[in-house]
């Protein structure tokens, strides 16, 4: 693991206990081949959708702008 470097990534995921799309900025190890190594402790209880390079500022996610059908009519 001495050749591994640390990399800042934004992980987009669903929690196993919610349907809300979540994201978290983390610092993980990166292999010499460029692959980010996400620890099992972080993966536990999550369905990972995407791993993005760097710190991503997400402005809107699925479900952020849900409006009632009654408000549309």
N, C-alpha and C. Protein backbone atom coordinates (compact mmCIF):
# COMPACT_ATOMS: atom_id res chain seq x y z
N UNK A 1 0.81 -1.20 0.00
CA UNK A 1 0.00 0.00 0.00
C UNK A 1 0.86 1.27 0.00
N UNK A 2 2.16 1.09 -0.04
CA UNK A 2 3.03 2.27 0.00
C UNK A 2 2.96 3.10 -1.26
N UNK A 3 2.53 2.51 -2.40
CA UNK A 3 2.41 3.26 -3.65
C UNK A 3 1.05 3.95 -3.79
N UNK A 4 0.18 3.73 -2.82
CA UNK A 4 -1.15 4.32 -2.88
C UNK A 4 -1.09 5.78 -2.46
N UNK A 5 -1.85 6.61 -3.16
CA UNK A 5 -1.97 8.02 -2.80
C UNK A 5 -3.40 8.27 -2.32
N UNK A 6 -3.64 9.41 -1.71
CA UNK A 6 -5.00 9.76 -1.28
C UNK A 6 -5.65 10.64 -2.34
N UNK A 7 -6.94 10.43 -2.53
CA UNK A 7 -7.69 11.18 -3.54
C UNK A 7 -9.02 11.62 -2.97
N UNK A 8 -9.39 12.88 -3.23
CA UNK A 8 -10.69 13.40 -2.82
C UNK A 8 -11.71 13.03 -3.88
N UNK A 9 -12.80 12.42 -3.44
CA UNK A 9 -13.88 12.02 -4.35
C UNK A 9 -15.22 12.38 -3.74
N UNK A 10 -16.21 12.52 -4.60
CA UNK A 10 -17.60 12.66 -4.16
C UNK A 10 -18.30 11.36 -4.53
N UNK A 11 -18.89 10.72 -3.54
CA UNK A 11 -19.60 9.45 -3.75
C UNK A 11 -21.10 9.74 -3.72
N UNK A 12 -21.80 9.34 -4.77
CA UNK A 12 -23.25 9.48 -4.85
C UNK A 12 -23.84 8.10 -4.60
N UNK A 13 -24.80 8.02 -3.67
CA UNK A 13 -25.29 6.71 -3.26
C UNK A 13 -26.70 6.78 -2.69
N UNK A 14 -27.31 5.59 -2.59
CA UNK A 14 -28.56 5.41 -1.86
C UNK A 14 -28.23 4.67 -0.58
N UNK A 15 -28.86 5.06 0.50
CA UNK A 15 -28.76 4.32 1.75
C UNK A 15 -29.75 3.17 1.68
N UNK A 16 -29.41 2.06 2.29
CA UNK A 16 -30.32 0.91 2.31
C UNK A 16 -31.60 1.19 3.09
N UNK A 17 -31.60 2.27 3.88
CA UNK A 17 -32.77 2.56 4.72
C UNK A 17 -33.63 3.70 4.18
N UNK A 18 -33.26 4.25 2.99
CA UNK A 18 -33.99 5.40 2.46
C UNK A 18 -33.94 5.42 0.94
N UNK A 19 -34.93 6.05 0.33
CA UNK A 19 -34.92 6.22 -1.12
C UNK A 19 -34.30 7.54 -1.54
N UNK A 20 -33.84 8.33 -0.57
CA UNK A 20 -33.25 9.63 -0.87
C UNK A 20 -31.84 9.44 -1.45
N UNK A 21 -31.56 10.15 -2.56
CA UNK A 21 -30.23 10.13 -3.17
C UNK A 21 -29.31 11.01 -2.33
N UNK A 22 -28.20 10.43 -1.87
CA UNK A 22 -27.28 11.12 -0.98
C UNK A 22 -25.91 11.26 -1.63
N UNK A 23 -25.08 12.13 -1.07
CA UNK A 23 -23.69 12.24 -1.53
C UNK A 23 -22.80 12.60 -0.36
N UNK A 24 -21.54 12.21 -0.48
CA UNK A 24 -20.58 12.49 0.59
C UNK A 24 -19.21 12.69 -0.04
N UNK A 25 -18.48 13.69 0.44
CA UNK A 25 -17.13 13.95 -0.02
C UNK A 25 -16.18 13.23 0.93
N UNK A 26 -15.29 12.42 0.37
CA UNK A 26 -14.38 11.61 1.17
C UNK A 26 -12.97 11.65 0.62
N UNK A 27 -12.02 11.27 1.43
CA UNK A 27 -10.63 11.11 1.03
C UNK A 27 -10.31 9.63 1.12
N UNK A 28 -10.11 8.97 -0.04
CA UNK A 28 -9.84 7.54 -0.09
C UNK A 28 -8.49 7.28 -0.74
N UNK A 29 -7.98 6.08 -0.54
CA UNK A 29 -6.74 5.69 -1.20
C UNK A 29 -6.99 5.44 -2.68
N UNK A 30 -5.97 5.73 -3.50
CA UNK A 30 -6.03 5.49 -4.94
C UNK A 30 -4.86 4.60 -5.31
N UNK A 31 -5.14 3.51 -6.02
CA UNK A 31 -4.09 2.58 -6.43
C UNK A 31 -3.20 3.21 -7.49
N UNK A 32 -2.02 2.64 -7.71
CA UNK A 32 -1.13 3.15 -8.77
C UNK A 32 -1.78 3.10 -10.16
N UNK A 33 -2.78 2.23 -10.33
CA UNK A 33 -3.50 2.15 -11.61
C UNK A 33 -4.57 3.21 -11.74
N UNK A 34 -4.81 4.00 -10.68
CA UNK A 34 -5.78 5.09 -10.73
C UNK A 34 -7.14 4.75 -10.14
N UNK A 35 -7.32 3.54 -9.67
CA UNK A 35 -8.61 3.14 -9.11
C UNK A 35 -8.73 3.55 -7.65
N UNK A 36 -9.85 4.15 -7.30
CA UNK A 36 -10.10 4.56 -5.92
C UNK A 36 -10.56 3.34 -5.13
N UNK A 37 -9.99 3.15 -3.96
CA UNK A 37 -10.32 2.01 -3.11
C UNK A 37 -11.29 2.49 -2.03
N UNK A 38 -12.53 2.03 -2.13
CA UNK A 38 -13.55 2.41 -1.15
C UNK A 38 -13.61 1.31 -0.09
N UNK A 39 -13.37 1.65 1.16
CA UNK A 39 -13.38 0.64 2.21
C UNK A 39 -14.76 0.00 2.40
N UNK A 40 -14.74 -1.26 2.79
CA UNK A 40 -15.99 -1.98 3.06
C UNK A 40 -16.82 -1.27 4.13
N UNK A 41 -16.16 -0.64 5.08
CA UNK A 41 -16.88 0.05 6.15
C UNK A 41 -17.72 1.21 5.59
N UNK A 42 -17.25 1.85 4.51
CA UNK A 42 -18.03 2.92 3.88
C UNK A 42 -19.15 2.33 3.03
N UNK A 43 -18.88 1.24 2.33
CA UNK A 43 -19.87 0.63 1.42
C UNK A 43 -21.05 0.02 2.17
N UNK A 44 -20.81 -0.40 3.40
CA UNK A 44 -21.84 -1.10 4.17
C UNK A 44 -23.11 -0.26 4.30
N UNK A 45 -24.24 -0.82 3.87
CA UNK A 45 -25.53 -0.14 4.00
C UNK A 45 -25.81 0.85 2.88
N UNK A 46 -24.99 0.82 1.80
CA UNK A 46 -25.16 1.78 0.71
C UNK A 46 -25.16 1.07 -0.64
N UNK A 47 -25.87 1.66 -1.60
CA UNK A 47 -25.78 1.26 -3.00
C UNK A 47 -25.13 2.44 -3.72
N UNK A 48 -23.88 2.28 -4.10
CA UNK A 48 -23.13 3.37 -4.71
C UNK A 48 -23.53 3.54 -6.17
N UNK A 49 -23.89 4.75 -6.54
CA UNK A 49 -24.33 5.08 -7.90
C UNK A 49 -23.15 5.59 -8.73
N UNK A 50 -22.32 6.47 -8.14
CA UNK A 50 -21.20 7.04 -8.88
C UNK A 50 -20.12 7.49 -7.91
N UNK A 51 -18.87 7.46 -8.40
CA UNK A 51 -17.73 8.02 -7.69
C UNK A 51 -17.15 9.09 -8.61
N UNK A 52 -17.19 10.34 -8.16
CA UNK A 52 -16.77 11.48 -8.99
C UNK A 52 -15.43 12.01 -8.51
N UNK A 53 -14.62 12.46 -9.44
CA UNK A 53 -13.31 13.01 -9.13
C UNK A 53 -13.44 14.37 -8.45
N UNK A 54 -12.89 14.49 -7.25
CA UNK A 54 -12.88 15.76 -6.56
C UNK A 54 -14.16 16.06 -5.79
N UNK A 55 -14.25 17.29 -5.34
CA UNK A 55 -15.40 17.76 -4.57
C UNK A 55 -16.43 18.32 -5.53
N UNK A 56 -17.59 17.70 -5.59
CA UNK A 56 -18.66 18.10 -6.50
C UNK A 56 -19.74 18.82 -5.70
N UNK A 57 -20.17 19.97 -6.19
CA UNK A 57 -21.26 20.70 -5.57
C UNK A 57 -22.55 20.36 -6.32
N UNK A 58 -23.36 19.50 -5.73
CA UNK A 58 -24.60 19.06 -6.37
C UNK A 58 -25.69 20.08 -6.06
N UNK A 59 -26.23 20.68 -7.10
CA UNK A 59 -27.25 21.72 -6.92
C UNK A 59 -28.65 21.12 -6.74
N UNK A 60 -28.98 20.11 -7.52
CA UNK A 60 -30.29 19.45 -7.43
C UNK A 60 -30.09 17.96 -7.64
N UNK A 61 -30.93 17.18 -6.93
CA UNK A 61 -30.91 15.73 -7.09
C UNK A 61 -32.32 15.26 -7.39
N UNK A 62 -32.45 14.02 -7.80
CA UNK A 62 -33.77 13.43 -8.02
C UNK A 62 -34.56 13.55 -6.72
N UNK A 63 -35.76 14.07 -6.84
CA UNK A 63 -36.62 14.20 -5.67
C UNK A 63 -36.56 15.54 -4.99
N UNK A 64 -35.55 16.37 -5.32
CA UNK A 64 -35.45 17.68 -4.68
C UNK A 64 -36.60 18.60 -5.07
N UNK A 65 -37.15 18.40 -6.25
CA UNK A 65 -38.18 19.31 -6.74
C UNK A 65 -39.51 18.61 -7.00
N UNK A 66 -39.79 17.62 -6.21
CA UNK A 66 -41.08 16.93 -6.37
C UNK A 66 -42.19 17.87 -5.90
N UNK A 67 -43.20 18.03 -6.76
CA UNK A 67 -44.35 18.85 -6.36
C UNK A 67 -45.60 17.99 -6.40
N UNK A 68 -46.51 18.33 -5.61
CA UNK A 68 -47.76 17.58 -5.53
C UNK A 68 -48.54 17.69 -6.83
N UNK A 69 -49.21 16.62 -7.22
CA UNK A 69 -50.05 16.64 -8.42
C UNK A 69 -51.17 17.67 -8.27
N UNK A 70 -51.57 17.96 -7.03
CA UNK A 70 -52.61 18.93 -6.79
C UNK A 70 -52.13 20.35 -7.07
N UNK A 71 -50.82 20.58 -6.90
CA UNK A 71 -50.25 21.91 -7.16
C UNK A 71 -50.12 22.21 -8.66
N UNK A 72 -50.11 21.17 -9.48
CA UNK A 72 -49.92 21.32 -10.92
C UNK A 72 -51.23 21.70 -11.60
N UNK A 73 -52.33 21.17 -11.16
CA UNK A 73 -53.62 21.37 -11.81
C UNK A 73 -54.16 22.75 -11.65
